[in-house]
Protein backbone atom coordinates (compact mmCIF):
# COMPACT_ATOMS: atom_id res chain seq x y z
CA UNK A 1 127.46 125.43 82.52
CA UNK A 2 129.17 128.74 81.84
CA UNK A 3 130.53 129.77 78.46
CA UNK A 4 134.01 128.84 79.72
CA UNK A 5 134.53 125.35 81.08
CA UNK A 6 135.86 125.68 84.62
CA UNK A 7 138.71 123.23 85.16
CA UNK A 8 140.24 121.98 88.41
CA UNK A 9 143.78 120.60 88.18
CA UNK A 10 144.76 117.83 90.62
CA UNK A 11 148.46 117.12 90.19
CA UNK A 12 151.17 116.40 92.78
CA UNK A 13 154.17 117.09 90.54
CA UNK A 14 155.03 120.81 90.90
CA UNK A 15 156.34 121.20 87.35
CA UNK A 16 153.32 119.54 85.74
CA UNK A 17 150.98 121.46 88.03
CA UNK A 18 152.61 124.75 87.07
CA UNK A 19 152.52 123.88 83.35
CA UNK A 20 148.78 123.14 83.40
CA UNK A 21 147.99 126.09 85.65
CA UNK A 22 149.73 128.50 83.29
CA UNK A 23 148.47 126.92 80.06
CA UNK A 24 144.76 126.45 80.84
CA UNK A 25 143.78 130.15 81.14
CA UNK A 26 145.30 130.77 77.70
CA UNK A 27 143.30 128.06 75.97
CA UNK A 28 140.02 128.99 74.24
CA UNK A 29 136.86 128.14 76.14
CA UNK A 30 138.65 127.04 79.32
CA UNK A 31 139.34 128.67 82.66
CA UNK A 32 141.31 127.48 85.68
CA UNK A 33 139.15 127.46 88.81
CA UNK A 34 141.50 125.70 91.23
CA UNK A 35 144.61 123.61 91.82
CA UNK A 36 145.05 120.64 94.16
CA UNK A 37 148.29 118.86 95.12
CA UNK A 38 146.72 115.68 96.55
CA UNK A 39 143.54 113.66 96.43
CA UNK A 40 141.97 114.92 99.64
CA UNK A 41 142.48 118.52 98.56
CA UNK A 42 140.97 117.64 95.20
CA UNK A 43 137.78 116.32 96.80
CA UNK A 44 137.52 119.38 99.02
CA UNK A 45 137.92 121.74 96.07
CA UNK A 46 135.34 119.83 94.02
CA UNK A 47 132.83 120.46 96.81
CA UNK A 48 133.88 124.08 97.23
CA UNK A 49 134.34 125.18 93.61
CA UNK A 50 131.93 122.91 91.69
CA UNK A 51 134.15 122.68 88.58
CA UNK A 52 132.88 121.50 85.23
CA UNK A 53 135.91 119.27 84.66
CA UNK A 54 138.84 117.84 86.63
CA UNK A 55 142.26 116.93 85.25
CA UNK A 56 143.13 114.17 87.71
CA UNK A 57 146.59 112.70 88.29
CA UNK A 58 146.59 109.09 89.47
CA UNK A 59 149.68 109.00 91.70
CA UNK A 60 149.12 111.53 94.50
CA UNK A 61 149.75 111.58 98.26
CA UNK A 62 147.06 111.13 100.95
CA UNK A 63 144.53 109.83 98.42
CA UNK A 64 145.39 108.67 94.91
CA UNK A 65 143.37 109.33 91.77
CA UNK A 66 141.52 106.02 91.93
CA UNK A 67 140.50 106.85 95.51
CA UNK A 68 139.20 110.20 94.32
CA UNK A 69 137.15 108.46 91.63
CA UNK A 70 135.73 106.00 94.17
CA UNK A 71 134.72 108.86 96.45
CA UNK A 72 133.15 110.77 93.57
CA UNK A 73 131.25 107.68 92.48
CA UNK A 74 129.26 107.78 95.72
CA UNK A 75 127.97 111.24 94.87
CA UNK A 76 124.91 111.94 92.74
CA UNK A 77 126.42 114.60 90.52
CA UNK A 78 129.93 115.63 89.69
CA UNK A 79 132.29 117.05 87.10
CA UNK A 80 133.71 115.38 84.05
CA UNK A 81 136.99 113.70 85.01
CA UNK A 82 139.95 113.30 82.67
CA UNK A 83 142.68 111.15 84.20
CA UNK A 84 146.26 112.18 83.38
CA UNK A 85 149.01 109.70 84.19
CA UNK A 86 152.29 108.21 83.01
CA UNK A 87 150.77 104.79 83.69
CA UNK A 88 149.54 103.23 80.46
CA UNK A 89 148.78 99.70 81.68
CA UNK A 90 145.42 98.65 80.27
CA UNK A 91 144.28 97.28 83.61
CA UNK A 92 144.79 100.65 85.29
CA UNK A 93 143.14 102.48 82.39
CA UNK A 94 140.16 100.13 82.54
CA UNK A 95 139.88 100.53 86.31
CA UNK A 96 139.86 104.33 86.06
CA UNK A 97 137.19 104.30 83.36
CA UNK A 98 135.07 101.79 85.27
CA UNK A 99 135.19 104.06 88.33
CA UNK A 100 133.71 106.93 86.36
CA UNK A 101 136.54 108.70 84.53
CA UNK A 102 135.34 110.10 81.21
CA UNK A 103 138.72 109.92 79.50
CA UNK A 104 142.30 108.78 80.12
CA UNK A 105 145.32 110.73 78.87
CA UNK A 106 148.82 109.30 79.05
CA UNK A 107 151.40 111.95 79.96
CA UNK A 108 152.84 114.13 78.60
CA UNK A 109 149.51 115.87 78.00
CA UNK A 110 149.03 117.80 74.77
CA UNK A 111 147.44 120.89 76.29
CA UNK A 112 146.42 122.24 72.88
CA UNK A 113 144.03 119.29 72.48
CA UNK A 114 142.25 119.98 75.79
CA UNK A 115 139.69 122.58 74.60
CA UNK A 116 138.13 120.30 71.98
CA UNK A 117 138.25 117.27 74.27
CA UNK A 118 136.68 119.03 77.25
CA UNK A 119 134.04 120.78 75.14
CA UNK A 120 133.02 117.37 73.80
CA UNK A 121 133.05 115.60 77.17
CA UNK A 122 131.21 118.37 79.01
CA UNK A 123 128.66 118.70 76.24
CA UNK A 124 127.80 115.00 75.93
CA UNK A 125 125.46 114.79 78.96
CA UNK A 126 123.74 118.00 77.84
CA UNK A 127 123.26 116.61 74.36
CA UNK A 128 121.70 113.44 75.76
CA UNK A 129 119.33 115.53 77.87
CA UNK A 130 118.40 117.66 74.88
CA UNK A 131 117.67 114.51 72.85
CA UNK A 132 115.45 113.18 75.65
CA UNK A 133 113.53 116.46 75.78
CA UNK A 134 113.09 116.47 72.01
CA UNK A 135 111.97 112.84 72.03
CA UNK A 136 109.32 113.65 74.64
CA UNK A 137 107.96 116.26 72.23
CA UNK A 138 107.79 113.71 69.42
CA UNK A 139 110.91 114.77 67.51
CA UNK A 140 112.76 112.45 65.14
CA UNK A 141 114.93 112.55 62.05
CA UNK A 142 117.96 114.60 61.07
CA UNK A 143 116.68 117.76 62.70
CA UNK A 144 116.55 116.17 66.14
CA UNK A 145 120.31 115.51 66.45
CA UNK A 146 121.16 118.88 64.91
CA UNK A 147 118.81 120.69 67.29
CA UNK A 148 120.30 118.91 70.31
CA UNK A 149 123.82 119.88 69.31
CA UNK A 150 122.79 123.46 68.60
CA UNK A 151 121.07 123.71 71.99
CA UNK A 152 124.26 122.60 73.72
CA UNK A 153 126.24 125.34 71.95
CA UNK A 154 123.64 127.94 72.99
CA UNK A 155 123.71 126.57 76.52
CA UNK A 156 127.49 126.96 76.70
CA UNK A 157 127.59 130.23 74.74
CA UNK A 158 124.27 132.07 75.23
CA UNK A 159 125.16 134.86 72.79
CA UNK A 160 126.21 132.55 69.96
CA UNK A 161 124.78 133.04 66.48
CA UNK A 162 122.95 130.30 64.62
CA UNK A 163 125.93 129.72 62.34
CA UNK A 164 127.98 128.99 65.46
CA UNK A 165 125.26 126.79 66.95
CA UNK A 166 125.04 124.79 63.74
CA UNK A 167 128.83 124.45 63.37
CA UNK A 168 129.17 121.03 65.12
CA UNK A 169 126.55 119.49 62.82
CA UNK A 170 127.96 121.17 59.71
CA UNK A 171 131.44 119.84 60.50
CA UNK A 172 130.34 116.42 61.72
CA UNK A 173 127.97 115.65 58.86
CA UNK A 174 129.86 117.57 56.16
CA UNK A 175 126.75 119.49 55.29
CA UNK A 176 125.88 123.16 54.96
CA UNK A 177 124.09 125.84 56.97
CA UNK A 178 121.01 125.73 54.73
CA UNK A 179 120.52 121.98 55.17
CA UNK A 180 120.80 122.16 58.95
CA UNK A 181 118.40 125.10 59.06
CA UNK A 182 115.91 123.24 56.86
CA UNK A 183 116.05 120.03 58.91
CA UNK A 184 115.50 121.83 62.20
CA UNK A 185 112.73 123.97 60.68
CA UNK A 186 110.95 120.83 59.48
CA UNK A 187 111.24 119.26 62.93
CA UNK A 188 109.91 122.37 64.69
CA UNK A 189 107.00 122.51 62.20
CA UNK A 190 106.00 118.98 63.23
CA UNK A 191 106.44 119.66 66.95
CA UNK A 192 104.32 122.79 66.73
CA UNK A 193 101.57 121.00 64.81
CA UNK A 194 101.54 118.06 67.25
CA UNK A 195 101.57 120.41 70.27
CA UNK A 196 102.45 117.78 72.81
CA UNK A 197 102.48 118.86 76.47
CA UNK A 198 106.30 118.75 76.58
CA UNK A 199 106.48 121.19 73.66
CA UNK A 200 103.92 123.51 75.21
CA UNK A 201 105.81 123.43 78.52
CA UNK A 202 109.09 124.22 76.79
CA UNK A 203 107.63 127.21 74.96
CA UNK A 204 105.77 128.51 78.01
CA UNK A 205 102.43 127.95 76.30
CA UNK A 206 101.45 127.13 72.75
CA UNK A 207 102.73 129.93 70.49
CA UNK A 208 100.16 131.34 68.04
CA UNK A 209 102.66 130.72 65.25
CA UNK A 210 105.52 128.32 64.73
CA UNK A 211 108.57 129.80 66.47
CA UNK A 212 111.76 130.52 64.57
CA UNK A 213 114.59 128.04 64.88
CA UNK A 214 116.54 130.46 67.06
CA UNK A 215 113.66 131.03 69.49
CA UNK A 216 112.98 127.30 69.78
CA UNK A 217 116.65 126.45 70.28
CA UNK A 218 117.10 129.14 72.92
CA UNK A 219 114.09 127.73 74.81
CA UNK A 220 115.64 124.27 74.57
CA UNK A 221 119.00 125.59 75.81
CA UNK A 222 117.27 127.36 78.69
CA UNK A 223 115.56 124.11 79.66
CA UNK A 224 118.99 122.52 79.98
CA UNK A 225 120.03 125.37 82.26
CA UNK A 226 116.97 124.82 84.43
CA UNK A 227 117.70 121.13 84.74
CA UNK A 228 121.16 122.00 86.05
CA UNK A 229 123.02 119.33 84.15
């Protein structure tokens, strides 16, 4: 995934479509990659543009949002989908989520909340993959979760500094940079000493010395890139 999350807007209402199209490029970390006015166009643009996320209206001509979700559910991979609708009935919400929507927003949409929401939703599968990779190397403890989150940041923002990569853990656990650095360093120490095949594969061979946190995390982030999540 690129540093900016590429968003496709599928919305049949011209005013709402224009609002989202104009607002998204101004929001941090997001970019508008396409706009669809109905469900069939949405599916076509998903295939053509390969967006990271879709803001999907439910009530659209030709094919409604639930139909789009059903069609997407038959595909192996796809973008994160956030449904946007004036319909708040719990049965409809539950149906959309059961068909694969990641989140459901009742209109009017607070566009200022979209960057944080989409960063979280798009990062969640990457974080799970990072945790699986770390587990295969024998990782555990506080450093494992922190390393997974840091790898996701480096995956999304390859030039980020460690203080930026550690920011989600610092904020989420109300801790400090030094504690996160120490926990990850302790985990990498153990992984290097154990030298499991998964660790050796990740590092491109067993390093003669324990790698720095930054080097290890960049290798982990690169592995996520290679997996194409």
